[in-house]
C-alpha atoms as a PDB file:
ATOM      1  CA  MET A   1    -109.165  -5.242 -91.658  1.00  0.00           C
ATOM      2  CA  GLN A   2    -107.422  -2.519 -93.667  1.00  0.00           C
ATOM      3  CA  GLN A   3    -109.470   0.593 -94.303  1.00  0.00           C
ATOM      4  CA  GLN A   4    -109.607   1.900 -97.869  1.00  0.00           C
ATOM      5  CA  LEU A   5    -108.680   5.494 -98.610  1.00  0.00           C
ATOM      6  CA  PRO A   6    -111.572   7.615 -99.871  1.00  0.00           C
ATOM      7  CA  VAL A   7    -111.944   8.222-103.592  1.00  0.00           C
ATOM      8  CA  VAL A   8    -111.253  11.888-104.380  1.00  0.00           C
ATOM      9  CA  VAL A   9    -114.172  13.453-106.253  1.00  0.00           C
ATOM     10  CA  VAL A  10    -114.225  17.017-107.582  1.00  0.00           C
ATOM     11  CA  ALA A  11    -117.292  19.140-108.235  1.00  0.00           C
ATOM     12  CA  GLY A  12    -117.865  22.579-109.688  1.00  0.00           C
ATOM     13  CA  LEU A  13    -119.887  25.353-108.113  1.00  0.00           C
ATOM     14  CA  ILE A  14    -121.111  27.278-111.158  1.00  0.00           C
ATOM     15  CA  GLU A  15    -123.552  30.114-110.510  1.00  0.00           C
ATOM     16  CA  ARG A  16    -125.607  32.349-112.762  1.00  0.00           C
ATOM     17  CA  ASN A  17    -128.185  34.944-111.703  1.00  0.00           C
ATOM     18  CA  GLY A  18    -128.463  33.552-108.168  1.00  0.00           C
ATOM     19  CA  ALA A  19    -128.893  29.955-109.353  1.00  0.00           C
ATOM     20  CA  VAL A  20    -126.519  26.996-109.082  1.00  0.00           C
ATOM     21  CA  LEU A  21    -125.922  24.476-111.855  1.00  0.00           C
ATOM     22  CA  LEU A  22    -126.881  20.933-110.876  1.00  0.00           C
ATOM     23  CA  ALA A  23    -126.860  17.761-112.958  1.00  0.00           C
ATOM     24  CA  THR A  24    -128.353  14.352-112.342  1.00  0.00           C
ATOM     25  CA  ARG A  25    -126.209  11.269-111.932  1.00  0.00           C
ATOM     26  CA  PRO A  26    -126.026   9.455-115.280  1.00  0.00           C
ATOM     27  CA  PRO A  27    -128.389   6.545-115.993  1.00  0.00           C
ATOM     28  CA  GLY A  28    -126.998   3.249-114.700  1.00  0.00           C
ATOM     29  CA  SER A  29    -124.646   4.922-112.204  1.00  0.00           C
ATOM     30  CA  HIS A  30    -124.570   4.789-108.404  1.00  0.00           C
ATOM     31  CA  LEU A  31    -127.363   7.084-107.135  1.00  0.00           C
ATOM     32  CA  GLU A  32    -128.848   7.270-110.625  1.00  0.00           C
ATOM     33  CA  HIS A  33    -131.053  10.341-111.165  1.00  0.00           C
ATOM     34  CA  ARG A  34    -130.025  12.082-107.913  1.00  0.00           C
ATOM     35  CA  TRP A  35    -128.945  15.704-108.374  1.00  0.00           C
ATOM     36  CA  GLU A  36    -125.392  16.851-107.664  1.00  0.00           C
ATOM     37  CA  LEU A  37    -122.896  19.589-108.294  1.00  0.00           C
ATOM     38  CA  PRO A  38    -121.329  18.407-111.568  1.00  0.00           C
ATOM     39  CA  GLY A  39    -117.885  16.846-111.649  1.00  0.00           C
ATOM     40  CA  GLY A  40    -116.277  13.444-111.220  1.00  0.00           C
ATOM     41  CA  LYS A  41    -113.325  11.381-110.075  1.00  0.00           C
ATOM     42  CA  LEU A  42    -109.672  12.233-110.471  1.00  0.00           C
ATOM     43  CA  GLY A  43    -107.822  10.212-113.076  1.00  0.00           C
ATOM     44  CA  PRO A  44    -104.305   8.876-112.511  1.00  0.00           C
ATOM     45  CA  GLY A  45    -101.805  11.735-112.298  1.00  0.00           C
ATOM     46  CA  GLU A  46    -104.468  14.463-112.600  1.00  0.00           C
ATOM     47  CA  SER A  47    -104.668  17.529-110.418  1.00  0.00           C
ATOM     48  CA  PRO A  48    -108.094  18.199-108.897  1.00  0.00           C
ATOM     49  CA  GLU A  49    -108.434  21.346-111.016  1.00  0.00           C
ATOM     50  CA  GLY A  50    -107.457  19.501-114.195  1.00  0.00           C
ATOM     51  CA  ALA A  51    -109.861  16.654-113.462  1.00  0.00           C
ATOM     52  CA  LEU A  52    -112.721  19.092-112.826  1.00  0.00           C
ATOM     53  CA  SER A  53    -112.073  20.985-116.034  1.00  0.00           C
ATOM     54  CA  ARG A  54    -111.959  17.694-117.981  1.00  0.00           C
ATOM     55  CA  GLU A  55    -115.099  16.281-116.353  1.00  0.00           C
ATOM     56  CA  LEU A  56    -117.172  19.424-117.012  1.00  0.00           C
ATOM     57  CA  ARG A  57    -116.031  19.448-120.644  1.00  0.00           C
ATOM     58  CA  GLU A  58    -116.706  15.716-121.184  1.00  0.00           C
ATOM     59  CA  GLU A  59    -119.979  15.476-119.276  1.00  0.00           C
ATOM     60  CA  LEU A  60    -121.650  18.855-119.880  1.00  0.00           C
ATOM     61  CA  GLY A  61    -119.790  20.486-122.796  1.00  0.00           C
ATOM     62  CA  LEU A  62    -118.588  23.375-120.626  1.00  0.00           C
ATOM     63  CA  GLU A  63    -115.312  25.261-120.524  1.00  0.00           C
ATOM     64  CA  VAL A  64    -114.675  26.680-117.075  1.00  0.00           C
ATOM     65  CA  GLU A  65    -112.037  28.535-115.146  1.00  0.00           C
ATOM     66  CA  VAL A  66    -111.500  26.601-111.919  1.00  0.00           C
ATOM     67  CA  GLY A  67    -111.019  28.853-108.906  1.00  0.00           C
ATOM     68  CA  GLY A  68    -110.508  28.197-105.214  1.00  0.00           C
ATOM     69  CA  ILE A  69    -112.033  25.596-102.944  1.00  0.00           C
ATOM     70  CA  PHE A  70    -115.564  26.348-101.762  1.00  0.00           C
ATOM     71  CA  HIS A  71    -116.262  23.269 -99.637  1.00  0.00           C
ATOM     72  CA  VAL A  72    -114.659  19.948 -98.632  1.00  0.00           C
ATOM     73  CA  HIS A  73    -116.679  17.017 -97.337  1.00  0.00           C
ATOM     74  CA  TYR A  74    -115.947  13.389 -96.457  1.00  0.00           C
ATOM     75  CA  HIS A  75    -118.882  11.051 -97.030  1.00  0.00           C
ATOM     76  CA  ALA A  76    -119.070   7.295 -96.415  1.00  0.00           C
ATOM     77  CA  TYR A  77    -121.427   5.451 -98.756  1.00  0.00           C
ATOM     78  CA  ALA A  78    -122.055   1.711 -98.294  1.00  0.00           C
ATOM     79  CA  SER A  79    -119.996   1.161-101.467  1.00  0.00           C
ATOM     80  CA  GLY A  80    -117.040   3.194-100.154  1.00  0.00           C
ATOM     81  CA  ALA A  81    -116.004   6.628 -98.967  1.00  0.00           C
ATOM     82  CA  ILE A  82    -115.393   9.766-101.015  1.00  0.00           C
ATOM     83  CA  LEU A  83    -113.639  13.027-100.305  1.00  0.00           C
ATOM     84  CA  LEU A  84    -115.622  15.669-102.191  1.00  0.00           C
ATOM     85  CA  LEU A  85    -113.731  18.824-103.163  1.00  0.00           C
ATOM     86  CA  VAL A  86    -116.081  21.565-104.403  1.00  0.00           C
ATOM     87  CA  TYR A  87    -114.404  24.373-106.359  1.00  0.00           C
ATOM     88  CA  HIS A  88    -115.725  27.748-107.418  1.00  0.00           C
ATOM     89  CA  CYS A  89    -115.877  27.754-111.226  1.00  0.00           C
ATOM     90  CA  ARG A  90    -116.451  30.533-113.723  1.00  0.00           C
ATOM     91  CA  LEU A  91    -118.293  29.516-116.875  1.00  0.00           C
ATOM     92  CA  MET A  92    -116.169  30.574-119.848  1.00  0.00           C
ATOM     93  CA  SER A  93    -118.163  29.030-122.714  1.00  0.00           C
ATOM     94  CA  GLY A  94    -120.895  26.538-123.479  1.00  0.00           C
ATOM     95  CA  GLU A  95    -124.417  25.883-122.289  1.00  0.00           C
ATOM     96  CA  PRO A  96    -124.851  22.856-120.021  1.00  0.00           C
ATOM     97  CA  ARG A  97    -126.125  19.768-121.768  1.00  0.00           C
ATOM     98  CA  GLY A  98    -125.941  16.224-120.415  1.00  0.00           C
ATOM     99  CA  LEU A  99    -123.620  14.415-122.802  1.00  0.00           C
ATOM    100  CA  GLU A 100    -123.975  11.163-120.808  1.00  0.00           C
ATOM    101  CA  GLY A 101    -127.777  11.244-120.447  1.00  0.00           C
ATOM    102  CA  GLN A 102    -127.913  13.541-117.410  1.00  0.00           C
ATOM    103  CA  ALA A 103    -130.445  16.288-116.880  1.00  0.00           C
ATOM    104  CA  CYS A 104    -129.092  19.770-116.072  1.00  0.00           C
ATOM    105  CA  ALA A 105    -130.839  22.632-114.309  1.00  0.00           C
ATOM    106  CA  TRP A 106    -130.122  26.023-112.767  1.00  0.00           C
ATOM    107  CA  ILE A 107    -131.582  25.830-109.257  1.00  0.00           C
ATOM    108  CA  PRO A 108    -131.962  28.949-107.081  1.00  0.00           C
ATOM    109  CA  ARG A 109    -129.750  28.753-103.972  1.00  0.00           C
ATOM    110  CA  GLU A 110    -132.740  28.861-101.621  1.00  0.00           C
ATOM    111  CA  ARG A 111    -134.345  25.845-103.386  1.00  0.00           C
ATOM    112  CA  LEU A 112    -131.291  23.544-103.483  1.00  0.00           C
ATOM    113  CA  LEU A 113    -132.504  21.394-100.605  1.00  0.00           C
ATOM    114  CA  GLU A 114    -135.868  20.836-102.315  1.00  0.00           C
ATOM    115  CA  VAL A 115    -134.381  18.561-104.988  1.00  0.00           C
ATOM    116  CA  PRO A 116    -133.308  14.950-104.327  1.00  0.00           C
ATOM    117  CA  LEU A 117    -129.565  15.456-103.897  1.00  0.00           C
ATOM    118  CA  ALA A 118    -126.821  12.862-103.705  1.00  0.00           C
ATOM    119  CA  PRO A 119    -126.090  12.597 -99.959  1.00  0.00           C
ATOM    120  CA  ALA A 120    -122.483  13.807-100.322  1.00  0.00           C
ATOM    121  CA  ASP A 121    -123.729  17.061-101.900  1.00  0.00           C
ATOM    122  CA  VAL A 122    -126.150  17.962 -99.086  1.00  0.00           C
ATOM    123  CA  PRO A 123    -123.578  19.717 -96.825  1.00  0.00           C
ATOM    124  CA  ALA A 124    -122.424  22.049 -99.638  1.00  0.00           C
ATOM    125  CA  ALA A 125    -126.056  22.717-100.608  1.00  0.00           C
ATOM    126  CA  ARG A 126    -126.846  23.644 -97.000  1.00  0.00           C
ATOM    127  CA  VAL A 127    -124.017  26.199 -97.026  1.00  0.00           C
ATOM    128  CA  LEU A 128    -125.199  27.581-100.380  1.00  0.00           C
ATOM    129  CA  ALA A 129    -128.774  27.819 -99.118  1.00  0.00           C
ATOM    130  CA  GLY A 130    -127.555  29.835 -96.117  1.00  0.00           C
ATOM    131  CA  LEU A 131    -128.316  27.182 -93.506  1.00  0.00           C
END
């Protein structure tokens, strides 16, 4: 049996006053209502940085400056594997609002593991929480 390559997913680490921006998965999606670092899948021909900028604009109404990689994690879900690339991002303009029905919240670093996270986001949250 041939093994599928993981889907590349990008996420933004956006911080303000010691808190990290999280968003819920949109209604009707895989892992609906779980919290995650916001982002999404790469489109055909997109760079990871370009995809992240586009996703944050489309989903949360944010303009960001995408910086360097913060964390990389491979996670195998029953539905398939993902390679999650988490980038440092600087918020340039906008206030987060879920344009696809998601909730958004600024969660203090030390409380990140208290919210129901998407499993692929747990390793990055552990690093952020200092564990």
